[in-house]
Amino acid sequence: MSATSDTIATPKPSARLRSGALNLMETVGQSLATIGPTLTPALNVTVVAGLAGLGCWLSYFIGTLGVVIVAASVAILAARHPEAGSYFVYIGRNFGPLAGALAGWAMISAYLFTAIAVSLSFAIFLGDLVAVFGIKLNTFTTALLMMVFVGAVTYAAYRDVKLSSRVGLILEIISISIMVVIIALVVRVKGSVFDPAQLDIGRFKYGAVFSALPFVIFSFVGFESSATLAKESANPRRNIPLSVIGCAAFAGVFFTLMAYLMVFGIGDDTAKLGASSAPFGDVAATAGLGWTTMVVYFAAIISVFACCLACVNAASRLLFSMGKYQFLHRSMGLVHDTHRTPHRAILLCGLIVAAMALALLPAGFLDAFGYAGTLASFGFVVAYFGLCIVVPVDLNKTQEMKSRHVVMAVAGAALMLFVVIGSVYPVPAYPYNILPYLFFAYMMVGAIWFAILKSKSPQTLASIQHDMEG
């Protein structure tokens, strides 16, 4: 009787994230899918080409250098602190729990608004795809299909992190391959890759080249997201740094080459490219390859699914970590007994993405995409800035800091500050002029909430400075 009572009284051990489930390639799949490389030639390059003109490729090249510096900072911290909270933990252990909580708060908004933006872009690409067959979808039908899309993404994230990371990697490989094949056909039609206009850098308007950098950075966001899966990665001290730096460098080379070849393919008409809602399709059509347009939209839809799935995975791990440390409701820190995923956090992410995407629809799909993407970039930039300045501080604790770490931190932080300044000056048109202040208000809400928690339960928040995840 006693033994039976003891058995009944023993609480069931709580489920944990599936430790060591992801190999190197699956970890790479998380970062690559969050970047969504195909989306830049399919849509994002429009803004950069419109601003930088013939210097479009140079903007991406400069952006690549800056992002790789930030990636190196993330890699150093990921190797030293392989935790699910990533930015939340990195910054919190060095600058205190409030700073850590705000970093996590910023990144949650970054990943969620990226997921919202790519969900809206799914609707855009789907409309373009069916239009090829002479079908026009009304807003209600498109919104309904977008909700089905968000539901499918949420279900995939809910079921298995290993499966979703593999799916993300496979889909990105397929979509990137399609883009590469089509641009190779464009080059074949042109008969050369030598473009005197783009190689004459003396003609570039360098003010315009630098003004495009904030949008260039948005093309890269998500390269660091594999760090949020550190607890579920095999050998995270090796795999996370490799995936973060590798994906940032690959994306930079891909973006720079695609920007150069797309401007070349459209006959250096950057005004036309900058005004296009389907830039890659227009490049293909200019080269007499209009039949590839359908394939381009299909590739974009594949990439959108992979990107949204990766964003939900990353955001849910941040919610999980913050819930586990009681910065947010503790239900966010629960793990599904069977699937070993943070199911409550994933479901919340899915609901937020669906609700916000619908709420933005009155602005129209394309404008709503721009608003969500801009808000997402603010969250990333804040966290990237914090990561850059944390590196020398963290290394100094163990007397490992070198002069190169300080130089790297200053260069990365300076680039992020430039992006912040570029978002408010010169003052952009409405409603982009108010978006930085909306993000600031969001951050203030988080700061007030965490300050209240700190005053009520200082011992809980202080625990971030120790090894909270064992």
Protein backbone atom coordinates (compact mmCIF):
# COMPACT_ATOMS: atom_id res chain seq x y z
CA MET A 1 0.00 0.00 0.00
CA SER A 2 2.79 2.29 0.90
CA ALA A 3 4.61 1.60 -2.33
CA THR A 4 1.44 2.29 -4.30
CA SER A 5 0.90 5.57 -2.50
CA ASP A 6 4.47 6.61 -3.14
CA THR A 7 4.06 5.84 -6.82
CA ILE A 8 0.90 7.89 -7.10
CA ALA A 9 2.41 10.79 -5.21
CA THR A 10 5.49 10.99 -7.42
CA PRO A 11 4.98 13.78 -9.96
CA LYS A 12 5.50 13.00 -13.59
CA PRO A 13 8.76 14.53 -14.79
CA SER A 14 8.17 17.43 -17.13
CA ALA A 15 9.06 16.90 -20.79
CA ARG A 16 12.13 18.60 -22.15
CA LEU A 17 13.13 19.83 -25.57
CA ARG A 18 14.58 17.06 -27.74
CA SER A 19 18.28 17.48 -26.95
CA GLY A 20 20.72 16.72 -29.76
CA ALA A 21 17.97 16.14 -32.33
CA LEU A 22 19.40 18.41 -35.05
CA ASN A 23 22.57 17.67 -37.01
CA LEU A 24 24.64 20.36 -38.72
CA MET A 25 22.63 20.44 -41.94
CA GLU A 26 19.32 20.65 -40.07
CA THR A 27 20.73 23.48 -37.97
CA VAL A 28 21.80 25.22 -41.18
CA GLY A 29 18.27 24.68 -42.48
CA GLN A 30 16.86 26.80 -39.63
CA SER A 31 19.03 29.85 -40.39
CA LEU A 32 18.81 29.50 -44.17
CA ALA A 33 15.04 29.15 -44.12
CA THR A 34 14.62 32.20 -41.87
CA ILE A 35 16.70 34.32 -44.25
CA GLY A 36 14.54 33.09 -47.14
CA PRO A 37 17.20 33.85 -49.80
CA THR A 38 14.74 33.47 -52.68
CA LEU A 39 12.59 36.31 -51.37
CA THR A 40 15.27 38.93 -52.05
CA PRO A 41 15.40 38.52 -55.86
CA ALA A 42 11.66 37.79 -55.89
CA LEU A 43 10.61 40.97 -54.01
CA ASN A 44 13.09 42.72 -51.66
CA VAL A 45 15.60 43.76 -54.35
CA THR A 46 12.97 46.16 -55.72
CA VAL A 47 13.51 48.63 -52.88
CA VAL A 48 17.32 48.42 -52.98
CA ALA A 49 17.47 48.86 -56.76
CA GLY A 50 15.10 51.83 -56.55
CA LEU A 51 17.34 53.55 -54.00
CA ALA A 52 20.88 52.53 -54.98
CA GLY A 53 20.46 52.37 -58.75
CA LEU A 54 23.47 50.83 -60.48
CA GLY A 55 25.11 50.53 -57.06
CA CYS A 56 22.55 47.92 -56.00
CA TRP A 57 25.14 45.13 -55.95
CA LEU A 58 27.55 47.31 -53.97
CA SER A 59 24.90 47.96 -51.30
CA TYR A 60 24.51 44.21 -50.88
CA PHE A 61 28.28 43.73 -50.79
CA ILE A 62 28.73 46.34 -48.04
CA GLY A 63 25.77 44.87 -46.16
CA THR A 64 27.36 41.43 -46.40
CA LEU A 65 30.54 42.65 -44.72
CA GLY A 66 28.54 44.17 -41.85
CA VAL A 67 26.29 41.14 -41.39
CA VAL A 68 29.24 38.73 -41.35
CA ILE A 69 30.76 40.83 -38.54
CA VAL A 70 27.52 40.51 -36.57
CA ALA A 71 27.42 36.79 -37.40
CA ALA A 72 30.91 36.38 -35.97
CA SER A 73 29.69 38.02 -32.74
CA VAL A 74 26.73 35.64 -32.56
CA ALA A 75 29.04 32.69 -33.23
CA ILE A 76 31.33 33.60 -30.33
CA LEU A 77 28.41 33.90 -27.91
CA ALA A 78 26.69 30.77 -29.23
CA ALA A 79 29.81 28.71 -28.63
CA ARG A 80 30.07 30.02 -25.07
CA HIS A 81 26.36 29.88 -24.13
CA PRO A 82 24.47 27.13 -26.04
CA GLU A 83 21.02 27.91 -24.62
CA ALA A 84 17.52 28.03 -26.09
CA GLY A 85 17.13 31.67 -25.09
CA SER A 86 20.11 32.80 -27.18
CA TYR A 87 19.96 36.65 -27.28
CA PHE A 88 17.92 36.74 -24.09
CA VAL A 89 20.63 34.73 -22.31
CA TYR A 90 23.68 36.27 -24.03
CA ILE A 91 22.77 39.83 -23.15
CA GLY A 92 21.13 39.09 -19.80
CA ARG A 93 24.16 37.36 -18.34
CA ASN A 94 26.36 40.35 -19.13
CA PHE A 95 24.11 43.40 -18.71
CA GLY A 96 21.54 42.12 -16.24
CA PRO A 97 18.11 40.50 -16.41
CA LEU A 98 16.23 43.60 -17.59
CA ALA A 99 18.53 44.07 -20.59
CA GLY A 100 18.27 40.35 -21.36
CA ALA A 101 14.50 40.41 -21.16
CA LEU A 102 14.32 43.42 -23.50
CA ALA A 103 16.60 41.66 -26.00
CA GLY A 104 14.30 38.64 -25.97
CA TRP A 105 11.28 40.94 -26.22
CA ALA A 106 12.76 42.67 -29.28
CA MET A 107 13.59 39.38 -31.00
CA ILE A 108 10.13 37.92 -30.36
CA SER A 109 8.62 40.86 -32.25
CA ALA A 110 11.29 40.50 -34.95
CA TYR A 111 10.55 36.86 -35.68
CA LEU A 112 6.78 37.25 -35.38
CA PHE A 113 6.60 40.28 -37.69
CA THR A 114 8.85 38.48 -40.17
CA ALA A 115 6.41 35.56 -40.08
CA ILE A 116 3.54 38.03 -40.59
CA ALA A 117 5.35 39.67 -43.51
CA VAL A 118 6.10 36.40 -45.28
CA SER A 119 2.52 35.19 -44.70
CA LEU A 120 1.35 38.31 -46.52
CA SER A 121 3.91 37.71 -49.26
CA PHE A 122 2.46 34.20 -49.64
CA ALA A 123 -0.82 35.86 -50.57
CA ILE A 124 0.98 38.14 -53.05
CA PHE A 125 2.88 35.31 -54.76
CA LEU A 126 -0.17 33.04 -54.79
CA GLY A 127 -2.18 35.76 -56.55
CA ASP A 128 0.63 36.21 -59.08
CA LEU A 129 0.87 32.46 -59.66
CA VAL A 130 -2.82 31.87 -60.35
CA ALA A 131 -2.97 35.02 -62.49
CA VAL A 132 -0.67 33.25 -64.94
CA PHE A 133 -3.59 30.88 -65.57
CA GLY A 134 -6.06 33.76 -65.89
CA ILE A 135 -7.51 33.29 -62.39
CA LYS A 136 -8.12 36.30 -60.15
CA LEU A 137 -8.61 35.70 -56.43
CA ASN A 138 -10.73 38.11 -54.41
CA THR A 139 -9.49 39.43 -51.06
CA PHE A 140 -11.67 37.11 -48.97
CA THR A 141 -10.48 33.96 -50.76
CA THR A 142 -6.86 35.08 -50.61
CA ALA A 143 -7.14 35.85 -46.88
CA LEU A 144 -8.74 32.46 -46.26
CA LEU A 145 -5.93 30.66 -48.11
CA MET A 146 -3.41 32.71 -46.14
CA MET A 147 -4.99 31.44 -42.91
CA VAL A 148 -4.68 27.87 -44.20
CA PHE A 149 -1.02 28.62 -44.91
CA VAL A 150 -0.43 29.90 -41.35
CA GLY A 151 -2.23 26.85 -39.96
CA ALA A 152 -0.02 24.47 -41.96
CA VAL A 153 3.12 26.26 -40.76
CA THR A 154 1.96 26.12 -37.13
CA TYR A 155 1.14 22.42 -37.40
CA ALA A 156 4.56 21.62 -38.90
CA ALA A 157 6.31 23.52 -36.08
CA TYR A 158 4.09 21.85 -33.45
CA ARG A 159 4.85 18.33 -34.61
CA ASP A 160 8.64 17.98 -34.81
CA VAL A 161 11.56 20.40 -34.86
CA LYS A 162 13.74 17.89 -36.73
CA LEU A 163 11.14 17.45 -39.47
CA SER A 164 10.45 21.17 -39.78
CA SER A 165 14.17 22.03 -39.99
CA ARG A 166 14.67 19.40 -42.70
CA VAL A 167 11.63 20.68 -44.60
CA GLY A 168 12.98 24.24 -44.39
CA LEU A 169 16.39 23.21 -45.75
CA ILE A 170 14.97 21.10 -48.60
CA LEU A 171 12.49 23.78 -49.67
CA GLU A 172 15.18 26.47 -49.69
CA ILE A 173 17.55 24.30 -51.73
CA ILE A 174 14.78 23.74 -54.29
CA SER A 175 13.78 27.41 -54.52
CA ILE A 176 17.38 28.69 -54.69
CA SER A 177 18.18 26.13 -57.40
CA ILE A 178 15.22 27.33 -59.47
CA MET A 179 16.40 30.95 -59.21
CA VAL A 180 19.98 30.01 -60.13
CA VAL A 181 18.87 28.03 -63.20
CA ILE A 182 16.67 30.89 -64.44
CA ILE A 183 19.34 33.56 -63.93
CA ALA A 184 21.82 31.29 -65.74
CA LEU A 185 19.40 31.20 -68.69
CA VAL A 186 19.22 35.01 -68.59
CA VAL A 187 23.03 35.23 -68.69
CA ARG A 188 23.08 32.78 -71.59
CA VAL A 189 20.69 35.00 -73.54
CA LYS A 190 22.82 38.07 -72.78
CA GLY A 191 25.92 36.19 -73.89
CA SER A 192 28.16 37.68 -71.20
CA VAL A 193 28.37 38.61 -67.51
CA PHE A 194 30.40 41.77 -68.15
CA ASP A 195 28.38 44.93 -67.51
CA PRO A 196 30.49 48.10 -67.95
CA ALA A 197 27.82 50.33 -66.38
CA GLN A 198 27.75 48.40 -63.09
CA LEU A 199 31.52 47.98 -62.95
CA ASP A 200 32.15 51.71 -63.38
CA ILE A 201 31.88 52.44 -59.65
CA GLY A 202 32.83 56.07 -60.23
CA ARG A 203 29.30 56.63 -61.60
CA PHE A 204 27.62 55.43 -58.43
CA LYS A 205 25.75 57.80 -56.14
CA TYR A 206 27.27 56.70 -52.85
CA GLY A 207 24.71 58.50 -50.74
CA ALA A 208 22.06 56.35 -52.40
CA VAL A 209 24.16 53.22 -51.99
CA PHE A 210 24.36 53.77 -48.23
CA SER A 211 20.73 54.86 -47.90
CA ALA A 212 19.70 51.43 -49.18
CA LEU A 213 21.56 49.61 -46.37
CA PRO A 214 18.58 49.41 -43.96
CA PHE A 215 16.64 47.47 -46.60
CA VAL A 216 19.71 45.37 -47.38
CA ILE A 217 19.95 44.35 -43.72
CA PHE A 218 16.31 43.27 -43.80
CA SER A 219 17.19 40.81 -46.57
CA PHE A 220 19.60 39.07 -44.18
CA VAL A 221 17.54 38.98 -41.00
CA GLY A 222 17.21 35.53 -39.54
CA PHE A 223 20.74 34.31 -40.28
CA GLU A 224 21.21 33.96 -36.51
CA SER A 225 18.01 32.04 -35.80
CA SER A 226 19.68 28.64 -35.48
CA ALA A 227 21.09 29.91 -32.17
CA THR A 228 17.56 29.69 -30.72
CA LEU A 229 17.67 25.90 -31.29
CA ALA A 230 20.95 25.38 -29.45
CA LYS A 231 19.34 23.07 -26.89
CA GLU A 232 18.05 20.85 -29.69
CA SER A 233 21.24 20.82 -31.76
CA ALA A 234 23.90 18.12 -31.60
CA ASN A 235 27.27 19.66 -30.69
CA PRO A 236 25.86 23.22 -30.51
CA ARG A 237 29.23 24.80 -29.70
CA ARG A 238 30.38 23.74 -33.18
CA ASN A 239 27.20 23.55 -35.25
CA ILE A 240 25.60 26.87 -34.26
CA PRO A 241 28.63 29.06 -35.10
CA LEU A 242 29.14 27.22 -38.40
CA SER A 243 25.52 27.62 -39.42
CA VAL A 244 25.28 31.28 -38.39
CA ILE A 245 28.46 32.46 -40.14
CA GLY A 246 28.02 30.09 -43.09
CA CYS A 247 24.45 31.17 -43.82
CA ALA A 248 25.27 34.87 -43.49
CA ALA A 249 28.22 34.56 -45.89
CA PHE A 250 26.31 32.39 -48.39
CA ALA A 251 23.32 34.75 -48.38
CA GLY A 252 25.60 37.74 -48.91
CA VAL A 253 27.34 36.20 -51.93
CA PHE A 254 23.98 35.06 -53.36
CA PHE A 255 22.35 38.47 -52.88
CA THR A 256 25.30 40.40 -54.34
CA LEU A 257 25.52 38.21 -57.43
CA MET A 258 21.76 38.16 -57.98
CA ALA A 259 21.54 41.96 -57.63
CA TYR A 260 24.31 42.41 -60.21
CA LEU A 261 22.88 39.86 -62.65
CA MET A 262 19.29 41.10 -62.31
CA VAL A 263 20.28 44.70 -63.06
CA PHE A 264 22.38 43.40 -65.98
CA GLY A 265 19.51 41.21 -67.18
CA ILE A 266 17.03 44.10 -67.25
CA GLY A 267 19.41 46.23 -69.30
CA ASP A 268 20.59 48.40 -66.37
CA ASP A 269 17.10 49.89 -66.12
CA THR A 270 17.08 50.18 -62.32
CA ALA A 271 14.06 52.50 -62.43
CA LYS A 272 12.00 49.72 -64.00
CA LEU A 273 13.37 47.18 -61.54
CA GLY A 274 12.69 49.49 -58.61
CA ALA A 275 9.06 49.98 -59.65
CA SER A 276 8.33 46.29 -60.16
CA SER A 277 6.16 44.16 -57.88
CA ALA A 278 7.63 41.03 -59.50
CA PRO A 279 11.26 42.00 -60.23
CA PHE A 280 12.69 38.58 -61.00
CA GLY A 281 9.84 37.78 -63.35
CA ASP A 282 10.39 41.07 -65.17
CA VAL A 283 14.10 40.29 -65.57
CA ALA A 284 13.24 36.90 -67.06
CA ALA A 285 10.63 38.47 -69.37
CA THR A 286 13.12 41.10 -70.58
CA ALA A 287 15.43 38.27 -71.60
CA GLY A 288 12.58 36.61 -73.52
CA LEU A 289 12.02 34.00 -70.83
CA GLY A 290 8.53 35.01 -69.80
CA TRP A 291 7.53 31.34 -69.63
CA THR A 292 9.63 31.02 -66.46
CA THR A 293 7.41 33.48 -64.54
CA MET A 294 5.20 30.72 -63.16
CA VAL A 295 8.25 28.81 -61.94
CA VAL A 296 9.56 31.94 -60.19
CA TYR A 297 6.33 32.41 -58.25
CA PHE A 298 6.29 28.72 -57.33
CA ALA A 299 9.85 28.99 -56.00
CA ALA A 300 8.89 32.07 -54.00
CA ILE A 301 5.94 30.27 -52.40
CA ILE A 302 8.23 27.38 -51.42
CA SER A 303 10.68 29.80 -49.82
CA VAL A 304 7.88 31.65 -48.00
CA PHE A 305 6.69 28.46 -46.31
CA ALA A 306 10.22 27.57 -45.20
CA CYS A 307 10.85 31.09 -43.91
CA CYS A 308 7.59 31.32 -41.96
CA LEU A 309 8.17 27.90 -40.40
CA ALA A 310 11.68 28.87 -39.31
CA CYS A 311 10.39 32.13 -37.80
CA VAL A 312 7.72 30.33 -35.76
CA ASN A 313 10.35 27.85 -34.55
CA ALA A 314 12.66 30.67 -33.47
CA ALA A 315 9.99 32.86 -31.83
CA SER A 316 8.53 29.92 -29.93
CA ARG A 317 11.96 29.01 -28.48
CA LEU A 318 12.37 32.57 -27.22
CA LEU A 319 8.89 32.46 -25.67
CA PHE A 320 9.76 29.04 -24.19
CA SER A 321 12.96 30.33 -22.63
CA MET A 322 11.35 33.49 -21.24
CA GLY A 323 8.40 31.49 -19.94
CA LYS A 324 10.70 28.98 -18.30
CA TYR A 325 12.47 31.79 -16.47
CA GLN A 326 9.08 33.33 -15.60
CA PHE A 327 9.53 36.54 -17.55
CA LEU A 328 6.34 35.49 -19.33
CA HIS A 329 3.56 33.13 -18.24
CA ARG A 330 5.04 29.78 -17.24
CA SER A 331 2.79 27.94 -19.74
CA MET A 332 5.16 29.23 -22.43
CA GLY A 333 7.88 27.09 -20.84
CA LEU A 334 5.95 23.82 -21.21
CA VAL A 335 7.03 21.07 -23.63
CA HIS A 336 4.73 18.58 -25.37
CA ASP A 337 5.12 15.07 -23.91
CA THR A 338 5.20 13.35 -27.31
CA HIS A 339 6.51 15.85 -29.84
CA ARG A 340 8.98 17.46 -27.42
CA THR A 341 8.25 20.91 -28.82
CA PRO A 342 7.19 24.07 -26.89
CA HIS A 343 3.62 23.52 -28.08
CA ARG A 344 1.92 26.30 -26.11
CA ALA A 345 4.43 28.85 -27.37
CA ILE A 346 4.06 27.58 -30.95
CA LEU A 347 0.27 27.81 -30.84
CA LEU A 348 0.47 31.36 -29.46
CA CYS A 349 2.86 32.31 -32.28
CA GLY A 350 0.46 30.91 -34.86
CA LEU A 351 -2.47 32.82 -33.41
CA ILE A 352 -0.54 36.10 -33.30
CA VAL A 353 0.68 35.72 -36.89
CA ALA A 354 -2.83 34.95 -38.15
CA ALA A 355 -4.48 37.78 -36.21
CA MET A 356 -1.91 40.44 -37.14
CA ALA A 357 -1.84 39.44 -40.82
CA LEU A 358 -5.61 39.84 -40.96
CA ALA A 359 -5.49 43.12 -39.03
CA LEU A 360 -3.08 44.60 -41.59
CA LEU A 361 -5.14 43.59 -44.62
CA PRO A 362 -7.06 46.91 -44.96
CA ALA A 363 -3.74 48.44 -46.06
CA GLY A 364 -3.52 45.97 -48.95
CA PHE A 365 -1.25 42.93 -49.17
CA LEU A 366 1.81 44.70 -50.62
CA ASP A 367 1.74 47.70 -48.25
CA ALA A 368 1.00 45.42 -45.28
CA PHE A 369 4.05 43.36 -46.23
CA GLY A 370 6.17 46.50 -46.14
CA TYR A 371 4.87 47.61 -42.75
CA ALA A 372 5.37 44.20 -41.13
CA GLY A 373 8.84 43.81 -42.62
CA THR A 374 9.91 47.24 -41.39
CA LEU A 375 8.71 46.54 -37.85
CA ALA A 376 10.53 43.21 -37.92
CA SER A 377 13.80 44.87 -38.91
CA PHE A 378 13.71 47.16 -35.85
CA GLY A 379 13.63 44.17 -33.50
CA PHE A 380 16.55 42.54 -35.26
CA VAL A 381 18.67 45.68 -35.32
CA VAL A 382 18.20 46.29 -31.57
CA ALA A 383 19.26 42.73 -30.76
CA TYR A 384 22.17 42.79 -33.23
CA PHE A 385 23.46 46.01 -31.67
CA GLY A 386 23.28 44.44 -28.21
CA LEU A 387 25.06 41.28 -29.39
CA CYS A 388 27.93 43.27 -30.88
CA ILE A 389 28.70 45.16 -27.68
CA VAL A 390 28.20 42.08 -25.48
CA VAL A 391 31.01 40.06 -27.11
CA PRO A 392 34.04 41.92 -25.67
CA VAL A 393 32.31 42.19 -22.28
CA ASP A 394 31.60 38.46 -22.19
CA LEU A 395 35.12 37.54 -23.31
CA ASN A 396 36.66 39.94 -20.81
CA LYS A 397 35.11 37.98 -17.95
CA THR A 398 37.40 35.07 -18.74
CA GLN A 399 40.28 37.29 -19.88
CA GLU A 400 39.96 36.08 -23.49
CA MET A 401 39.21 39.46 -25.05
CA LYS A 402 41.53 40.56 -27.87
CA SER A 403 41.79 43.85 -29.72
CA ARG A 404 40.12 42.27 -32.78
CA HIS A 405 37.01 41.60 -30.67
CA VAL A 406 36.76 45.29 -29.79
CA VAL A 407 37.21 46.33 -33.44
CA MET A 408 34.58 43.81 -34.50
CA ALA A 409 32.16 45.05 -31.85
CA VAL A 410 32.61 48.71 -32.82
CA ALA A 411 32.18 48.00 -36.54
CA GLY A 412 29.05 45.88 -36.05
CA ALA A 413 27.46 48.30 -33.58
CA ALA A 414 28.22 51.27 -35.86
CA LEU A 415 26.47 49.59 -38.79
CA MET A 416 23.40 48.87 -36.67
CA LEU A 417 23.30 52.48 -35.44
CA PHE A 418 23.48 53.64 -39.05
CA VAL A 419 20.46 51.49 -39.88
CA VAL A 420 18.52 52.97 -36.93
CA ILE A 421 19.37 56.54 -37.94
CA GLY A 422 18.45 55.76 -41.56
CA SER A 423 14.97 54.69 -40.44
CA VAL A 424 14.12 58.11 -38.97
CA TYR A 425 16.25 60.55 -41.02
CA PRO A 426 15.49 61.68 -43.61
CA VAL A 427 11.92 61.34 -42.37
CA PRO A 428 10.16 58.67 -44.46
CA ALA A 429 6.64 59.03 -45.80
CA TYR A 430 3.57 58.12 -43.73
CA PRO A 431 3.03 55.58 -42.22
CA TYR A 432 6.69 54.54 -42.25
CA ASN A 433 7.50 57.68 -40.30
CA ILE A 434 5.52 56.43 -37.29
CA LEU A 435 6.67 52.79 -37.34
CA PRO A 436 9.90 53.43 -35.35
CA TYR A 437 7.82 55.05 -32.61
CA LEU A 438 5.34 52.18 -32.57
CA PHE A 439 8.26 49.82 -32.04
CA PHE A 440 9.60 52.10 -29.31
CA ALA A 441 6.20 52.00 -27.59
CA TYR A 442 6.25 48.18 -27.80
CA MET A 443 9.69 48.15 -26.15
CA MET A 444 8.50 50.53 -23.42
CA VAL A 445 5.59 48.20 -22.61
CA GLY A 446 8.10 45.39 -22.21
CA ALA A 447 10.41 47.51 -20.07
CA ILE A 448 7.57 48.51 -17.73
CA TRP A 449 6.37 44.92 -17.45
CA PHE A 450 9.82 43.56 -16.67
CA ALA A 451 10.51 46.37 -14.20
CA ILE A 452 7.32 45.41 -12.34
CA LEU A 453 8.43 41.77 -12.29
CA LYS A 454 11.85 42.77 -11.01
CA SER A 455 10.37 44.73 -8.11
CA LYS A 456 7.97 41.91 -7.21
CA SER A 457 10.34 38.96 -7.65
CA PRO A 458 13.98 40.07 -7.93
CA GLN A 459 15.29 36.60 -7.10
CA THR A 460 13.52 35.14 -10.15
CA LEU A 461 14.90 37.65 -12.61
CA ALA A 462 18.39 37.52 -11.17
CA SER A 463 18.57 33.83 -12.01
CA ILE A 464 19.33 34.66 -15.63
CA GLN A 465 22.89 35.46 -14.57
CA HIS A 466 23.43 31.83 -13.59
CA ASP A 467 23.16 28.61 -15.53
CA MET A 468 19.39 28.48 -15.55
CA GLU A 469 19.04 25.60 -17.97
CA GLY A 470 21.46 23.23 -16.35
